[in-house]
């Protein structure tokens, strides 16, 4: 057989394999491995995310207003909420 030829797999050889027996400690071991292998979150602890359902025209207007003032959407939302608070508290 040359290096470019493919070798046919003999699935009959797989008959000798049997699945491992489940042990009681397997879920605990899996949790420990998952915890050790997990990457630390890159998200800040003091940040969150939310989804706002509104008419597309309102969302577009909000995005355009924030962009024209060079604010991120979250920062612009905070500015609007602070202005609302000042108007209703003062």
C-alpha atoms as a PDB file:
ATOM      1  CA  UNK A   1       0.000   0.000   0.000  1.00  0.00           C
ATOM      2  CA  UNK A   2       1.367   3.436  -0.917  1.00  0.00           C
ATOM      3  CA  UNK A   3       1.175   6.451   1.354  1.00  0.00           C
ATOM      4  CA  UNK A   4      -1.636   7.981  -0.720  1.00  0.00           C
ATOM      5  CA  UNK A   5      -3.967   4.985  -0.304  1.00  0.00           C
ATOM      6  CA  UNK A   6      -6.550   4.837   2.429  1.00  0.00           C
ATOM      7  CA  UNK A   7      -6.713   1.911   4.820  1.00  0.00           C
ATOM      8  CA  UNK A   8     -10.154   0.363   5.262  1.00  0.00           C
ATOM      9  CA  UNK A   9     -11.368   0.344   8.859  1.00  0.00           C
ATOM     10  CA  UNK A  10     -12.403  -2.978  10.319  1.00  0.00           C
ATOM     11  CA  UNK A  11     -15.369  -2.160  12.545  1.00  0.00           C
ATOM     12  CA  UNK A  12     -15.426  -5.765  13.730  1.00  0.00           C
ATOM     13  CA  UNK A  13     -12.391  -4.945  15.894  1.00  0.00           C
ATOM     14  CA  UNK A  14     -14.582  -2.568  17.895  1.00  0.00           C
ATOM     15  CA  UNK A  15     -16.733  -5.422  19.213  1.00  0.00           C
ATOM     16  CA  UNK A  16     -14.211  -6.145  21.962  1.00  0.00           C
ATOM     17  CA  UNK A  17     -14.690  -2.728  23.554  1.00  0.00           C
ATOM     18  CA  UNK A  18     -17.303  -2.182  26.223  1.00  0.00           C
ATOM     19  CA  UNK A  19     -18.401   1.081  27.828  1.00  0.00           C
ATOM     20  CA  UNK A  20     -16.880   1.978  31.167  1.00  0.00           C
ATOM     21  CA  UNK A  21     -18.889   1.314  34.259  1.00  0.00           C
ATOM     22  CA  UNK A  22     -20.220   4.477  35.836  1.00  0.00           C
ATOM     23  CA  UNK A  23     -18.924   5.208  39.299  1.00  0.00           C
ATOM     24  CA  UNK A  24     -20.458   7.399  41.969  1.00  0.00           C
ATOM     25  CA  UNK A  25     -17.449   9.728  41.981  1.00  0.00           C
ATOM     26  CA  UNK A  26     -17.536  10.439  38.252  1.00  0.00           C
ATOM     27  CA  UNK A  27     -19.847  13.508  38.470  1.00  0.00           C
ATOM     28  CA  UNK A  28     -17.695  14.974  41.247  1.00  0.00           C
ATOM     29  CA  UNK A  29     -14.512  14.327  39.262  1.00  0.00           C
ATOM     30  CA  UNK A  30     -16.101  15.890  36.196  1.00  0.00           C
ATOM     31  CA  UNK A  31     -17.051  19.002  38.177  1.00  0.00           C
ATOM     32  CA  UNK A  32     -13.504  19.324  39.512  1.00  0.00           C
ATOM     33  CA  UNK A  33     -12.024  18.994  36.029  1.00  0.00           C
ATOM     34  CA  UNK A  34     -14.535  21.469  34.559  1.00  0.00           C
ATOM     35  CA  UNK A  35     -13.796  23.973  37.324  1.00  0.00           C
ATOM     36  CA  UNK A  36     -10.020  23.642  36.913  1.00  0.00           C
ATOM     37  CA  UNK A  37     -10.192  23.853  33.133  1.00  0.00           C
ATOM     38  CA  UNK A  38     -12.592  26.780  32.977  1.00  0.00           C
ATOM     39  CA  UNK A  39     -11.311  30.077  31.702  1.00  0.00           C
ATOM     40  CA  UNK A  40     -11.871  33.038  33.982  1.00  0.00           C
ATOM     41  CA  UNK A  41     -14.655  35.293  32.802  1.00  0.00           C
ATOM     42  CA  UNK A  42     -13.551  38.374  30.947  1.00  0.00           C
ATOM     43  CA  UNK A  43     -16.710  40.173  31.949  1.00  0.00           C
ATOM     44  CA  UNK A  44     -16.513  42.660  34.756  1.00  0.00           C
ATOM     45  CA  UNK A  45     -18.409  41.675  37.885  1.00  0.00           C
ATOM     46  CA  UNK A  46     -20.210  45.012  37.996  1.00  0.00           C
ATOM     47  CA  UNK A  47     -21.589  44.806  34.448  1.00  0.00           C
ATOM     48  CA  UNK A  48     -24.664  43.122  33.095  1.00  0.00           C
ATOM     49  CA  UNK A  49     -26.649  42.957  29.915  1.00  0.00           C
ATOM     50  CA  UNK A  50     -30.307  43.354  29.027  1.00  0.00           C
ATOM     51  CA  UNK A  51     -32.458  43.066  25.958  1.00  0.00           C
ATOM     52  CA  UNK A  52     -34.918  45.880  25.235  1.00  0.00           C
ATOM     53  CA  UNK A  53     -37.934  45.306  23.019  1.00  0.00           C
ATOM     54  CA  UNK A  54     -39.113  48.521  21.388  1.00  0.00           C
ATOM     55  CA  UNK A  55     -40.174  49.766  17.986  1.00  0.00           C
ATOM     56  CA  UNK A  56     -37.244  49.720  15.560  1.00  0.00           C
ATOM     57  CA  UNK A  57     -37.535  53.483  15.034  1.00  0.00           C
ATOM     58  CA  UNK A  58     -37.045  54.112  18.774  1.00  0.00           C
ATOM     59  CA  UNK A  59     -34.029  51.799  18.949  1.00  0.00           C
ATOM     60  CA  UNK A  60     -32.521  53.389  15.847  1.00  0.00           C
ATOM     61  CA  UNK A  61     -33.041  56.875  17.305  1.00  0.00           C
ATOM     62  CA  UNK A  62     -31.397  55.832  20.593  1.00  0.00           C
ATOM     63  CA  UNK A  63     -28.387  54.330  18.797  1.00  0.00           C
ATOM     64  CA  UNK A  64     -27.995  57.373  16.560  1.00  0.00           C
ATOM     65  CA  UNK A  65     -28.206  59.781  19.512  1.00  0.00           C
ATOM     66  CA  UNK A  66     -25.554  57.835  21.434  1.00  0.00           C
ATOM     67  CA  UNK A  67     -23.326  57.587  18.373  1.00  0.00           C
ATOM     68  CA  UNK A  68     -23.590  61.295  17.559  1.00  0.00           C
ATOM     69  CA  UNK A  69     -22.405  62.122  21.086  1.00  0.00           C
ATOM     70  CA  UNK A  70     -19.775  59.335  20.962  1.00  0.00           C
ATOM     71  CA  UNK A  71     -21.187  57.407  23.942  1.00  0.00           C
ATOM     72  CA  UNK A  72     -21.488  53.679  24.374  1.00  0.00           C
ATOM     73  CA  UNK A  73     -25.121  52.635  24.668  1.00  0.00           C
ATOM     74  CA  UNK A  74     -24.879  51.855  28.388  1.00  0.00           C
ATOM     75  CA  UNK A  75     -23.254  55.183  29.203  1.00  0.00           C
ATOM     76  CA  UNK A  76     -25.861  57.038  27.161  1.00  0.00           C
ATOM     77  CA  UNK A  77     -28.682  55.189  28.930  1.00  0.00           C
ATOM     78  CA  UNK A  78     -27.227  56.282  32.273  1.00  0.00           C
ATOM     79  CA  UNK A  79     -27.087  59.923  31.104  1.00  0.00           C
ATOM     80  CA  UNK A  80     -30.740  59.778  30.069  1.00  0.00           C
ATOM     81  CA  UNK A  81     -31.777  58.177  33.372  1.00  0.00           C
ATOM     82  CA  UNK A  82     -29.851  60.805  35.369  1.00  0.00           C
ATOM     83  CA  UNK A  83     -31.560  63.583  33.385  1.00  0.00           C
ATOM     84  CA  UNK A  84     -34.931  61.954  34.048  1.00  0.00           C
ATOM     85  CA  UNK A  85     -34.166  61.726  37.790  1.00  0.00           C
ATOM     86  CA  UNK A  86     -33.132  65.391  37.962  1.00  0.00           C
ATOM     87  CA  UNK A  87     -36.277  66.483  36.210  1.00  0.00           C
ATOM     88  CA  UNK A  88     -38.565  64.468  38.496  1.00  0.00           C
ATOM     89  CA  UNK A  89     -36.682  64.838  41.812  1.00  0.00           C
ATOM     90  CA  UNK A  90     -35.881  68.518  41.615  1.00  0.00           C
END
